[in-house]
Amino acid sequence: MGEFTGLLDLLGALFKLFGLDQSAIMPAMALLIVFFLFAVPIGLLAQGRRVSTGREAMVGETGEVVTDIRPEGRVFVRSEYWNAVADEEIAAGTRVVVESVDRMVLTVRRLT
């Protein structure tokens, strides 16, 4: 309960600073509570989402081999052409999955 009274005191000081009446404290508190009832759950949901950008997002994506990979070649993943390497030879047109990213080179394997 001490946090609530501390918040009220802080709001009271802010209202005095800006020359507002004390009667505006309760509506302001109500607006803050409503805001945090919506903002906190949305923020928590955003933290649990899978990364959708950067190198972490590429791992697990599927694509298609454009030029034969022996052991280097090119693949088409997420609407972009990438240099790629693989442990085995993979023919053009084969579907692959990205295992890792090292700078601008994808390590891929044949999609099973």
PDB file of N, CA and C in Angstrom:
ATOM      1  N   MET A   1       0.822  -1.194   0.000  1.00  0.00           N
ATOM      2  CA  MET A   1       0.000   0.000   0.000  1.00  0.00           C
ATOM      3  C   MET A   1       0.870   1.263   0.000  1.00  0.00           C
ATOM      4  N   GLY A   2       2.109   1.116   0.484  1.00  0.00           N
ATOM      5  CA  GLY A   2       3.008   2.256   0.532  1.00  0.00           C
ATOM      6  C   GLY A   2       3.368   2.768  -0.855  1.00  0.00           C
ATOM      7  N   GLU A   3       3.420   1.833  -1.839  1.00  0.00           N
ATOM      8  CA  GLU A   3       3.734   2.245  -3.201  1.00  0.00           C
ATOM      9  C   GLU A   3       2.642   3.151  -3.757  1.00  0.00           C
ATOM     10  N   PHE A   4       1.395   2.820  -3.416  1.00  0.00           N
ATOM     11  CA  PHE A   4       0.272   3.601  -3.910  1.00  0.00           C
ATOM     12  C   PHE A   4       0.307   5.014  -3.345  1.00  0.00           C
ATOM     13  N   THR A   5       0.560   5.137  -2.036  1.00  0.00           N
ATOM     14  CA  THR A   5       0.612   6.481  -1.444  1.00  0.00           C
ATOM     15  C   THR A   5       1.820   7.254  -1.963  1.00  0.00           C
ATOM     16  N   GLY A   6       2.930   6.554  -2.199  1.00  0.00           N
ATOM     17  CA  GLY A   6       4.098   7.224  -2.775  1.00  0.00           C
ATOM     18  C   GLY A   6       3.804   7.754  -4.164  1.00  0.00           C
ATOM     19  N   LEU A   7       3.073   6.948  -4.950  1.00  0.00           N
ATOM     20  CA  LEU A   7       2.696   7.388  -6.290  1.00  0.00           C
ATOM     21  C   LEU A   7       1.755   8.584  -6.226  1.00  0.00           C
ATOM     22  N   LEU A   8       0.824   8.553  -5.263  1.00  0.00           N
ATOM     23  CA  LEU A   8      -0.076   9.694  -5.090  1.00  0.00           C
ATOM     24  C   LEU A   8       0.702  10.953  -4.715  1.00  0.00           C
ATOM     25  N   ASP A   9       1.687  10.816  -3.818  1.00  0.00           N
ATOM     26  CA  ASP A   9       2.500  11.974  -3.438  1.00  0.00           C
ATOM     27  C   ASP A   9       3.270  12.514  -4.640  1.00  0.00           C
ATOM     28  N   LEU A  10       3.827  11.605  -5.452  1.00  0.00           N
ATOM     29  CA  LEU A  10       4.556  12.024  -6.645  1.00  0.00           C
ATOM     30  C   LEU A  10       3.637  12.756  -7.611  1.00  0.00           C
ATOM     31  N   LEU A  11       2.455  12.207  -7.821  1.00  0.00           N
ATOM     32  CA  LEU A  11       1.501  12.873  -8.706  1.00  0.00           C
ATOM     33  C   LEU A  11       1.079  14.224  -8.150  1.00  0.00           C
ATOM     34  N   GLY A  12       0.894  14.290  -6.820  1.00  0.00           N
ATOM     35  CA  GLY A  12       0.524  15.556  -6.199  1.00  0.00           C
ATOM     36  C   GLY A  12       1.587  16.610  -6.425  1.00  0.00           C
ATOM     37  N   ALA A  13       2.861  16.213  -6.288  1.00  0.00           N
ATOM     38  CA  ALA A  13       3.960  17.155  -6.521  1.00  0.00           C
ATOM     39  C   ALA A  13       3.998  17.598  -7.972  1.00  0.00           C
ATOM     40  N   LEU A  14       3.756  16.659  -8.896  1.00  0.00           N
ATOM     41  CA  LEU A  14       3.748  17.028 -10.312  1.00  0.00           C
ATOM     42  C   LEU A  14       2.603  17.981 -10.633  1.00  0.00           C
ATOM     43  N   PHE A  15       1.440  17.736 -10.029  1.00  0.00           N
ATOM     44  CA  PHE A  15       0.305  18.624 -10.269  1.00  0.00           C
ATOM     45  C   PHE A  15       0.583  20.024  -9.736  1.00  0.00           C
ATOM     46  N   LYS A  16       1.232  20.104  -8.570  1.00  0.00           N
ATOM     47  CA  LYS A  16       1.578  21.422  -8.026  1.00  0.00           C
ATOM     48  C   LYS A  16       2.587  22.120  -8.932  1.00  0.00           C
ATOM     49  N   LEU A  17       3.546  21.341  -9.441  1.00  0.00           N
ATOM     50  CA  LEU A  17       4.563  21.913 -10.312  1.00  0.00           C
ATOM     51  C   LEU A  17       3.941  22.531 -11.556  1.00  0.00           C
ATOM     52  N   PHE A  18       2.943  21.833 -12.130  1.00  0.00           N
ATOM     53  CA  PHE A  18       2.305  22.326 -13.344  1.00  0.00           C
ATOM     54  C   PHE A  18       1.065  23.168 -13.063  1.00  0.00           C
ATOM     55  N   GLY A  19       0.771  23.425 -11.797  1.00  0.00           N
ATOM     56  CA  GLY A  19      -0.343  24.297 -11.430  1.00  0.00           C
ATOM     57  C   GLY A  19      -1.705  23.672 -11.638  1.00  0.00           C
ATOM     58  N   LEU A  20      -1.810  22.354 -11.522  1.00  0.00           N
ATOM     59  CA  LEU A  20      -3.100  21.679 -11.680  1.00  0.00           C
ATOM     60  C   LEU A  20      -3.752  21.471 -10.328  1.00  0.00           C
ATOM     61  N   ASP A  21      -5.060  21.264 -10.344  1.00  0.00           N
ATOM     62  CA  ASP A  21      -5.836  21.077  -9.120  1.00  0.00           C
ATOM     63  C   ASP A  21      -5.666  19.639  -8.595  1.00  0.00           C
ATOM     64  N   GLN A  22      -5.766  19.478  -7.267  1.00  0.00           N
ATOM     65  CA  GLN A  22      -5.634  18.159  -6.631  1.00  0.00           C
ATOM     66  C   GLN A  22      -6.747  17.195  -7.070  1.00  0.00           C
ATOM     67  N   SER A  23      -7.864  17.714  -7.514  1.00  0.00           N
ATOM     68  CA  SER A  23      -8.984  16.856  -7.899  1.00  0.00           C
ATOM     69  C   SER A  23      -8.683  16.051  -9.174  1.00  0.00           C
ATOM     70  N   ALA A  24      -7.613  16.387  -9.869  1.00  0.00           N
ATOM     71  CA  ALA A  24      -7.256  15.672 -11.098  1.00  0.00           C
ATOM     72  C   ALA A  24      -6.395  14.441 -10.830  1.00  0.00           C
ATOM     73  N   ILE A  25      -6.017  14.217  -9.559  1.00  0.00           N
ATOM     74  CA  ILE A  25      -5.142  13.081  -9.241  1.00  0.00           C
ATOM     75  C   ILE A  25      -5.832  11.749  -9.510  1.00  0.00           C
ATOM     76  N   MET A  26      -7.055  11.583  -9.037  1.00  0.00           N
ATOM     77  CA  MET A  26      -7.737  10.291  -9.192  1.00  0.00           C
ATOM     78  C   MET A  26      -8.007   9.946 -10.664  1.00  0.00           C
ATOM     79  N   PRO A  27      -8.495  10.864 -11.490  1.00  0.00           N
ATOM     80  CA  PRO A  27      -8.628  10.512 -12.916  1.00  0.00           C
ATOM     81  C   PRO A  27      -7.293  10.169 -13.560  1.00  0.00           C
ATOM     82  N   ALA A  28      -6.226  10.868 -13.163  1.00  0.00           N
ATOM     83  CA  ALA A  28      -4.905  10.558 -13.717  1.00  0.00           C
ATOM     84  C   ALA A  28      -4.468   9.165 -13.283  1.00  0.00           C
ATOM     85  N   MET A  29      -4.714   8.804 -12.027  1.00  0.00           N
ATOM     86  CA  MET A  29      -4.384   7.457 -11.544  1.00  0.00           C
ATOM     87  C   MET A  29      -5.173   6.405 -12.322  1.00  0.00           C
ATOM     88  N   ALA A  30      -6.455   6.679 -12.555  1.00  0.00           N
ATOM     89  CA  ALA A  30      -7.286   5.729 -13.296  1.00  0.00           C
ATOM     90  C   ALA A  30      -6.747   5.533 -14.708  1.00  0.00           C
ATOM     91  N   LEU A  31      -6.336   6.616 -15.360  1.00  0.00           N
ATOM     92  CA  LEU A  31      -5.772   6.501 -16.704  1.00  0.00           C
ATOM     93  C   LEU A  31      -4.461   5.719 -16.690  1.00  0.00           C
ATOM     94  N   LEU A  32      -3.615   5.940 -15.691  1.00  0.00           N
ATOM     95  CA  LEU A  32      -2.370   5.190 -15.578  1.00  0.00           C
ATOM     96  C   LEU A  32      -2.639   3.699 -15.377  1.00  0.00           C
ATOM     97  N   ILE A  33      -3.596   3.384 -14.527  1.00  0.00           N
ATOM     98  CA  ILE A  33      -3.921   1.972 -14.279  1.00  0.00           C
ATOM     99  C   ILE A  33      -4.432   1.311 -15.548  1.00  0.00           C
ATOM    100  N   VAL A  34      -5.326   1.968 -16.262  1.00  0.00           N
ATOM    101  CA  VAL A  34      -5.848   1.411 -17.516  1.00  0.00           C
ATOM    102  C   VAL A  34      -4.720   1.234 -18.528  1.00  0.00           C
ATOM    103  N   PHE A  35      -3.826   2.226 -18.617  1.00  0.00           N
ATOM    104  CA  PHE A  35      -2.708   2.126 -19.549  1.00  0.00           C
ATOM    105  C   PHE A  35      -1.852   0.909 -19.232  1.00  0.00           C
ATOM    106  N   PHE A  36      -1.489   0.731 -17.968  1.00  0.00           N
ATOM    107  CA  PHE A  36      -0.615  -0.380 -17.607  1.00  0.00           C
ATOM    108  C   PHE A  36      -1.320  -1.728 -17.689  1.00  0.00           C
ATOM    109  N   LEU A  37      -2.637  -1.748 -17.551  1.00  0.00           N
ATOM    110  CA  LEU A  37      -3.364  -3.004 -17.744  1.00  0.00           C
ATOM    111  C   LEU A  37      -3.254  -3.490 -19.180  1.00  0.00           C
ATOM    112  N   PHE A  38      -3.091  -2.567 -20.120  1.00  0.00           N
ATOM    113  CA  PHE A  38      -2.936  -2.950 -21.522  1.00  0.00           C
ATOM    114  C   PHE A  38      -1.470  -3.031 -21.938  1.00  0.00           C
ATOM    115  N   ALA A  39      -0.646  -2.110 -21.473  1.00  0.00           N
ATOM    116  CA  ALA A  39       0.744  -2.036 -21.927  1.00  0.00           C
ATOM    117  C   ALA A  39       1.599  -3.190 -21.413  1.00  0.00           C
ATOM    118  N   VAL A  40       1.437  -3.573 -20.167  1.00  0.00           N
ATOM    119  CA  VAL A  40       2.272  -4.636 -19.598  1.00  0.00           C
ATOM    120  C   VAL A  40       2.032  -5.977 -20.290  1.00  0.00           C
ATOM    121  N   PRO A  41       0.784  -6.428 -20.461  1.00  0.00           N
ATOM    122  CA  PRO A  41       0.601  -7.705 -21.170  1.00  0.00           C
ATOM    123  C   PRO A  41       1.119  -7.681 -22.610  1.00  0.00           C
ATOM    124  N   ILE A  42       0.953  -6.572 -23.305  1.00  0.00           N
ATOM    125  CA  ILE A  42       1.455  -6.486 -24.681  1.00  0.00           C
ATOM    126  C   ILE A  42       2.975  -6.568 -24.689  1.00  0.00           C
ATOM    127  N   GLY A  43       3.620  -5.901 -23.749  1.00  0.00           N
ATOM    128  CA  GLY A  43       5.077  -5.963 -23.645  1.00  0.00           C
ATOM    129  C   GLY A  43       5.574  -7.360 -23.317  1.00  0.00           C
ATOM    130  N   LEU A  44       4.885  -8.051 -22.422  1.00  0.00           N
ATOM    131  CA  LEU A  44       5.285  -9.412 -22.075  1.00  0.00           C
ATOM    132  C   LEU A  44       5.102 -10.370 -23.249  1.00  0.00           C
ATOM    133  N   LEU A  45       4.054 -10.196 -24.014  1.00  0.00           N
ATOM    134  CA  LEU A  45       3.853 -11.031 -25.200  1.00  0.00           C
ATOM    135  C   LEU A  45       4.955 -10.798 -26.228  1.00  0.00           C
ATOM    136  N   ALA A  46       5.377  -9.554 -26.383  1.00  0.00           N
ATOM    137  CA  ALA A  46       6.428  -9.237 -27.350  1.00  0.00           C
ATOM    138  C   ALA A  46       7.752  -9.884 -26.960  1.00  0.00           C
ATOM    139  N   GLN A  47       8.028 -10.019 -25.673  1.00  0.00           N
ATOM    140  CA  GLN A  47       9.277 -10.630 -25.241  1.00  0.00           C
ATOM    141  C   GLN A  47       9.320 -12.118 -25.526  1.00  0.00           C
ATOM    142  N   GLY A  48       8.172 -12.764 -25.598  1.00  0.00           N
ATOM    143  CA  GLY A  48       8.126 -14.198 -25.827  1.00  0.00           C
ATOM    144  C   GLY A  48       8.128 -14.598 -27.293  1.00  0.00           C
ATOM    145  N   ARG A  49       8.050 -13.643 -28.182  1.00  0.00           N
ATOM    146  CA  ARG A  49       8.009 -13.961 -29.612  1.00  0.00           C
ATOM    147  C   ARG A  49       9.352 -14.425 -30.132  1.00  0.00           C
ATOM    148  N   ARG A  50       9.307 -15.233 -31.189  1.00  0.00           N
ATOM    149  CA  ARG A  50      10.522 -15.697 -31.851  1.00  0.00           C
ATOM    150  C   ARG A  50      11.180 -14.527 -32.573  1.00  0.00           C
ATOM    151  N   VAL A  51      12.493 -14.512 -32.564  1.00  0.00           N
ATOM    152  CA  VAL A  51      13.233 -13.450 -33.248  1.00  0.00           C
ATOM    153  C   VAL A  51      12.894 -13.498 -34.733  1.00  0.00           C
ATOM    154  N   SER A  52      12.596 -12.351 -35.327  1.00  0.00           N
ATOM    155  CA  SER A  52      12.217 -12.345 -36.741  1.00  0.00           C
ATOM    156  C   SER A  52      13.190 -11.563 -37.614  1.00  0.00           C
ATOM    157  N   THR A  53      14.284 -11.086 -37.034  1.00  0.00           N
ATOM    158  CA  THR A  53      15.282 -10.367 -37.812  1.00  0.00           C
ATOM    159  C   THR A  53      16.681 -10.837 -37.430  1.00  0.00           C
ATOM    160  N   GLY A  54      17.632 -10.508 -38.256  1.00  0.00           N
ATOM    161  CA  GLY A  54      19.021 -10.835 -37.947  1.00  0.00           C
ATOM    162  C   GLY A  54      19.369 -12.273 -38.239  1.00  0.00           C
ATOM    163  N   ARG A  55      20.562 -12.663 -37.828  1.00  0.00           N
ATOM    164  CA  ARG A  55      21.068 -13.999 -38.132  1.00  0.00           C
ATOM    165  C   ARG A  55      20.277 -15.089 -37.414  1.00  0.00           C
ATOM    166  N   GLU A  56      19.763 -14.796 -36.210  1.00  0.00           N
ATOM    167  CA  GLU A  56      18.995 -15.801 -35.478  1.00  0.00           C
ATOM    168  C   GLU A  56      17.732 -16.207 -36.228  1.00  0.00           C
ATOM    169  N   ALA A  57      17.157 -15.268 -36.963  1.00  0.00           N
ATOM    170  CA  ALA A  57      15.926 -15.555 -37.693  1.00  0.00           C
ATOM    171  C   ALA A  57      16.168 -16.441 -38.909  1.00  0.00           C
ATOM    172  N   MET A  58      17.385 -16.464 -39.430  1.00  0.00           N
ATOM    173  CA  MET A  58      17.675 -17.262 -40.625  1.00  0.00           C
ATOM    174  C   MET A  58      17.766 -18.752 -40.319  1.00  0.00           C
ATOM    175  N   VAL A  59      18.223 -19.097 -39.106  1.00  0.00           N
ATOM    176  CA  VAL A  59      18.386 -20.508 -38.748  1.00  0.00           C
ATOM    177  C   VAL A  59      17.019 -21.183 -38.747  1.00  0.00           C
ATOM    178  N   GLY A  60      16.924 -22.276 -39.486  1.00  0.00           N
ATOM    179  CA  GLY A  60      15.660 -23.007 -39.594  1.00  0.00           C
ATOM    180  C   GLY A  60      14.823 -22.639 -40.807  1.00  0.00           C
ATOM    181  N   GLU A  61      15.183 -21.565 -41.493  1.00  0.00           N
ATOM    182  CA  GLU A  61      14.451 -21.167 -42.702  1.00  0.00           C
ATOM    183  C   GLU A  61      14.766 -22.138 -43.836  1.00  0.00           C
ATOM    184  N   THR A  62      13.808 -22.300 -44.728  1.00  0.00           N
ATOM    185  CA  THR A  62      14.020 -23.171 -45.882  1.00  0.00           C
ATOM    186  C   THR A  62      14.226 -22.329 -47.128  1.00  0.00           C
ATOM    187  N   GLY A  63      14.910 -22.918 -48.091  1.00  0.00           N
ATOM    188  CA  GLY A  63      15.169 -22.222 -49.340  1.00  0.00           C
ATOM    189  C   GLY A  63      15.445 -23.212 -50.450  1.00  0.00           C
ATOM    190  N   GLU A  64      15.862 -22.682 -51.583  1.00  0.00           N
ATOM    191  CA  GLU A  64      16.132 -23.519 -52.747  1.00  0.00           C
ATOM    192  C   GLU A  64      17.530 -23.213 -53.283  1.00  0.00           C
ATOM    193  N   VAL A  65      18.223 -24.271 -53.672  1.00  0.00           N
ATOM    194  CA  VAL A  65      19.567 -24.127 -54.229  1.00  0.00           C
ATOM    195  C   VAL A  65      19.449 -23.554 -55.638  1.00  0.00           C
ATOM    196  N   VAL A  66      20.210 -22.485 -55.906  1.00  0.00           N
ATOM    197  CA  VAL A  66      20.187 -21.836 -57.219  1.00  0.00           C
ATOM    198  C   VAL A  66      21.306 -22.377 -58.092  1.00  0.00           C
ATOM    199  N   THR A  67      22.515 -22.441 -57.530  1.00  0.00           N
ATOM    200  CA  THR A  67      23.644 -23.047 -58.242  1.00  0.00           C
ATOM    201  C   THR A  67      24.138 -24.223 -57.415  1.00  0.00           C
ATOM    202  N   ASP A  68      24.615 -25.252 -58.086  1.00  0.00           N
ATOM    203  CA  ASP A  68      25.076 -26.442 -57.371  1.00  0.00           C
ATOM    204  C   ASP A  68      26.014 -26.062 -56.226  1.00  0.00           C
ATOM    205  N   ILE A  69      25.824 -26.726 -55.098  1.00  0.00           N
ATOM    206  CA  ILE A  69      26.694 -26.509 -53.943  1.00  0.00           C
ATOM    207  C   ILE A  69      27.702 -27.644 -53.908  1.00  0.00           C
ATOM    208  N   ARG A  70      28.990 -27.307 -54.130  1.00  0.00           N
ATOM    209  CA  ARG A  70      30.049 -28.306 -54.100  1.00  0.00           C
ATOM    210  C   ARG A  70      31.375 -27.706 -53.698  1.00  0.00           C
ATOM    211  N   PRO A  71      31.712 -27.471 -52.557  1.00  0.00           N
ATOM    212  CA  PRO A  71      30.898 -27.319 -51.336  1.00  0.00           C
ATOM    213  C   PRO A  71      30.309 -25.921 -51.197  1.00  0.00           C
ATOM    214  N   GLU A  72      30.581 -25.022 -52.181  1.00  0.00           N
ATOM    215  CA  GLU A  72      29.997 -23.678 -52.124  1.00  0.00           C
ATOM    216  C   GLU A  72      29.044 -23.477 -53.292  1.00  0.00           C
ATOM    217  N   GLY A  73      28.053 -22.624 -53.079  1.00  0.00           N
ATOM    218  CA  GLY A  73      27.094 -22.313 -54.132  1.00  0.00           C
ATOM    219  C   GLY A  73      26.199 -21.175 -53.684  1.00  0.00           C
ATOM    220  N   ARG A  74      25.052 -21.038 -54.346  1.00  0.00           N
ATOM    221  CA  ARG A  74      24.106 -19.975 -53.999  1.00  0.00           C
ATOM    222  C   ARG A  74      22.736 -20.573 -53.743  1.00  0.00           C
ATOM    223  N   VAL A  75      22.040 -19.962 -52.772  1.00  0.00           N
ATOM    224  CA  VAL A  75      20.693 -20.401 -52.425  1.00  0.00           C
ATOM    225  C   VAL A  75      19.769 -19.191 -52.391  1.00  0.00           C
ATOM    226  N   PHE A  76      18.473 -19.459 -52.493  1.00  0.00           N
ATOM    227  CA  PHE A  76      17.445 -18.425 -52.433  1.00  0.00           C
ATOM    228  C   PHE A  76      16.633 -18.680 -51.170  1.00  0.00           C
ATOM    229  N   VAL A  77      16.804 -17.782 -50.176  1.00  0.00           N
ATOM    230  CA  VAL A  77      16.121 -17.927 -48.885  1.00  0.00           C
ATOM    231  C   VAL A  77      15.513 -16.590 -48.496  1.00  0.00           C
ATOM    232  N   ARG A  78      14.257 -16.589 -48.073  1.00  0.00           N
ATOM    233  CA  ARG A  78      13.554 -15.377 -47.639  1.00  0.00           C
ATOM    234  C   ARG A  78      13.633 -14.263 -48.682  1.00  0.00           C
ATOM    235  N   SER A  79      13.398 -14.610 -49.916  1.00  0.00           N
ATOM    236  CA  SER A  79      13.373 -13.658 -51.032  1.00  0.00           C
ATOM    237  C   SER A  79      14.718 -12.998 -51.308  1.00  0.00           C
ATOM    238  N   GLU A  80      15.809 -13.659 -50.920  1.00  0.00           N
ATOM    239  CA  GLU A  80      17.149 -13.118 -51.159  1.00  0.00           C
ATOM    240  C   GLU A  80      18.084 -14.227 -51.613  1.00  0.00           C
ATOM    241  N   TYR A  81      19.090 -13.842 -52.396  1.00  0.00           N
ATOM    242  CA  TYR A  81      20.117 -14.784 -52.816  1.00  0.00           C
ATOM    243  C   TYR A  81      21.268 -14.720 -51.825  1.00  0.00           C
ATOM    244  N   TRP A  82      21.734 -15.895 -51.385  1.00  0.00           N
ATOM    245  CA  TRP A  82      22.804 -15.992 -50.393  1.00  0.00           C
ATOM    246  C   TRP A  82      23.895 -16.934 -50.889  1.00  0.00           C
ATOM    247  N   ASN A  83      25.141 -16.653 -50.491  1.00  0.00           N
ATOM    248  CA  ASN A  83      26.202 -17.635 -50.674  1.00  0.00           C
ATOM    249  C   ASN A  83      25.986 -18.712 -49.617  1.00  0.00           C
ATOM    250  N   ALA A  84      26.263 -19.953 -49.998  1.00  0.00           N
ATOM    251  CA  ALA A  84      26.012 -21.051 -49.068  1.00  0.00           C
ATOM    252  C   ALA A  84      27.102 -22.097 -49.165  1.00  0.00           C
ATOM    253  N   VAL A  85      27.284 -22.826 -48.071  1.00  0.00           N
ATOM    254  CA  VAL A  85      28.186 -23.975 -48.028  1.00  0.00           C
ATOM    255  C   VAL A  85      27.425 -25.138 -47.426  1.00  0.00           C
ATOM    256  N   ALA A  86      27.885 -26.352 -47.778  1.00  0.00           N
ATOM    257  CA  ALA A  86      27.255 -27.555 -47.241  1.00  0.00           C
ATOM    258  C   ALA A  86      28.305 -28.639 -47.092  1.00  0.00           C
ATOM    259  N   ASP A  87      28.019 -29.642 -46.272  1.00  0.00           N
ATOM    260  CA  ASP A  87      28.931 -30.769 -46.068  1.00  0.00           C
ATOM    261  C   ASP A  87      28.888 -31.752 -47.232  1.00  0.00           C
ATOM    262  N   GLU A  88      27.854 -31.666 -48.052  1.00  0.00           N
ATOM    263  CA  GLU A  88      27.683 -32.585 -49.170  1.00  0.00           C
ATOM    264  C   GLU A  88      27.363 -31.798 -50.433  1.00  0.00           C
ATOM    265  N   GLU A  89      27.486 -32.441 -51.562  1.00  0.00           N
ATOM    266  CA  GLU A  89      27.086 -31.794 -52.813  1.00  0.00           C
ATOM    267  C   GLU A  89      25.568 -31.779 -52.892  1.00  0.00           C
ATOM    268  N   ILE A  90      25.035 -30.618 -53.276  1.00  0.00           N
ATOM    269  CA  ILE A  90      23.584 -30.478 -53.412  1.00  0.00           C
ATOM    270  C   ILE A  90      23.314 -29.847 -54.768  1.00  0.00           C
ATOM    271  N   ALA A  91      22.452 -30.487 -55.549  1.00  0.00           N
ATOM    272  CA  ALA A  91      22.152 -30.024 -56.901  1.00  0.00           C
ATOM    273  C   ALA A  91      21.191 -28.837 -56.875  1.00  0.00           C
ATOM    274  N   ALA A  92      21.268 -28.026 -57.929  1.00  0.00           N
ATOM    275  CA  ALA A  92      20.365 -26.883 -58.078  1.00  0.00           C
ATOM    276  C   ALA A  92      18.927 -27.370 -58.101  1.00  0.00           C
ATOM    277  N   GLY A  93      18.039 -26.584 -57.487  1.00  0.00           N
ATOM    278  CA  GLY A  93      16.625 -26.936 -57.439  1.00  0.00           C
ATOM    279  C   GLY A  93      16.232 -27.726 -56.196  1.00  0.00           C
ATOM    280  N   THR A  94      17.198 -28.158 -55.413  1.00  0.00           N
ATOM    281  CA  THR A  94      16.922 -28.932 -54.213  1.00  0.00           C
ATOM    282  C   THR A  94      16.529 -27.997 -53.071  1.00  0.00           C
ATOM    283  N   ARG A  95      15.564 -28.416 -52.268  1.00  0.00           N
ATOM    284  CA  ARG A  95      15.151 -27.647 -51.096  1.00  0.00           C
ATOM    285  C   ARG A  95      16.153 -27.880 -49.969  1.00  0.00           C
ATOM    286  N   VAL A  96      16.535 -26.799 -49.282  1.00  0.00           N
ATOM    287  CA  VAL A  96      17.504 -26.888 -48.183  1.00  0.00           C
ATOM    288  C   VAL A  96      16.980 -26.135 -46.962  1.00  0.00           C
ATOM    289  N   VAL A  97      17.584 -26.425 -45.814  1.00  0.00           N
ATOM    290  CA  VAL A  97      17.272 -25.718 -44.573  1.00  0.00           C
ATOM    291  C   VAL A  97      18.562 -25.106 -44.037  1.00  0.00           C
ATOM    292  N   VAL A  98      18.470 -23.893 -43.505  1.00  0.00           N
ATOM    293  CA  VAL A  98      19.635 -23.176 -42.992  1.00  0.00           C
ATOM    294  C   VAL A  98      19.977 -23.696 -41.600  1.00  0.00           C
ATOM    295  N   GLU A  99      21.242 -24.096 -41.417  1.00  0.00           N
ATOM    296  CA  GLU A  99      21.697 -24.576 -40.117  1.00  0.00           C
ATOM    297  C   GLU A  99      22.392 -23.483 -39.312  1.00  0.00           C
ATOM    298  N   SER A 100      23.163 -22.612 -39.985  1.00  0.00           N
ATOM    299  CA  SER A 100      23.847 -21.529 -39.287  1.00  0.00           C
ATOM    300  C   SER A 100      24.202 -20.420 -40.273  1.00  0.00           C
ATOM    301  N   VAL A 101      24.613 -19.290 -39.708  1.00  0.00           N
ATOM    302  CA  VAL A 101      25.002 -18.129 -40.515  1.00  0.00           C
ATOM    303  C   VAL A 101      26.359 -17.647 -40.021  1.00  0.00           C
ATOM    304  N   ASP A 102      27.302 -17.493 -40.946  1.00  0.00           N
ATOM    305  CA  ASP A 102      28.607 -16.943 -40.617  1.00  0.00           C
ATOM    306  C   ASP A 102      28.847 -15.765 -41.550  1.00  0.00           C
ATOM    307  N   ARG A 103      28.725 -14.561 -41.014  1.00  0.00           N
ATOM    308  CA  ARG A 103      28.773 -13.321 -41.781  1.00  0.00           C
ATOM    309  C   ARG A 103      27.689 -13.355 -42.853  1.00  0.00           C
ATOM    310  N   MET A 104      28.057 -13.441 -44.113  1.00  0.00           N
ATOM    311  CA  MET A 104      27.065 -13.446 -45.189  1.00  0.00           C
ATOM    312  C   MET A 104      26.998 -14.793 -45.897  1.00  0.00           C
ATOM    313  N   VAL A 105      27.420 -15.857 -45.215  1.00  0.00           N
ATOM    314  CA  VAL A 105      27.415 -17.198 -45.799  1.00  0.00           C
ATOM    315  C   VAL A 105      26.547 -18.108 -44.940  1.00  0.00           C
ATOM    316  N   LEU A 106      25.600 -18.781 -45.591  1.00  0.00           N
ATOM    317  CA  LEU A 106      24.721 -19.709 -44.882  1.00  0.00           C
ATOM    318  C   LEU A 106      25.283 -21.112 -44.969  1.00  0.00           C
ATOM    319  N   THR A 107      25.222 -21.846 -43.870  1.00  0.00           N
ATOM    320  CA  THR A 107      25.528 -23.270 -43.881  1.00  0.00           C
ATOM    321  C   THR A 107      24.184 -23.978 -43.984  1.00  0.00           C
ATOM    322  N   VAL A 108      24.037 -24.809 -45.017  1.00  0.00           N
ATOM    323  CA  VAL A 108      22.746 -25.450 -45.289  1.00  0.00           C
ATOM    324  C   VAL A 108      22.903 -26.955 -45.333  1.00  0.00           C
ATOM    325  N   ARG A 109      21.752 -27.630 -45.215  1.00  0.00           N
ATOM    326  CA  ARG A 109      21.700 -29.079 -45.421  1.00  0.00           C
ATOM    327  C   ARG A 109      20.445 -29.394 -46.214  1.00  0.00           C
ATOM    328  N   ARG A 110      20.472 -30.532 -46.863  1.00  0.00           N
ATOM    329  CA  ARG A 110      19.341 -30.960 -47.677  1.00  0.00           C
ATOM    330  C   ARG A 110      18.102 -31.115 -46.785  1.00  0.00           C
ATOM    331  N   LEU A 111      16.969 -30.618 -47.244  1.00  0.00           N
ATOM    332  CA  LEU A 111      15.714 -30.737 -46.497  1.00  0.00           C
ATOM    333  C   LEU A 111      15.201 -32.164 -46.648  1.00  0.00           C
ATOM    334  N   THR A 112      14.951 -32.808 -45.513  1.00  0.00           N
ATOM    335  CA  THR A 112      14.496 -34.212 -45.561  1.00  0.00           C
ATOM    336  C   THR A 112      13.018 -34.330 -45.378  1.00  0.00           C
TER     337      THR A 112
END
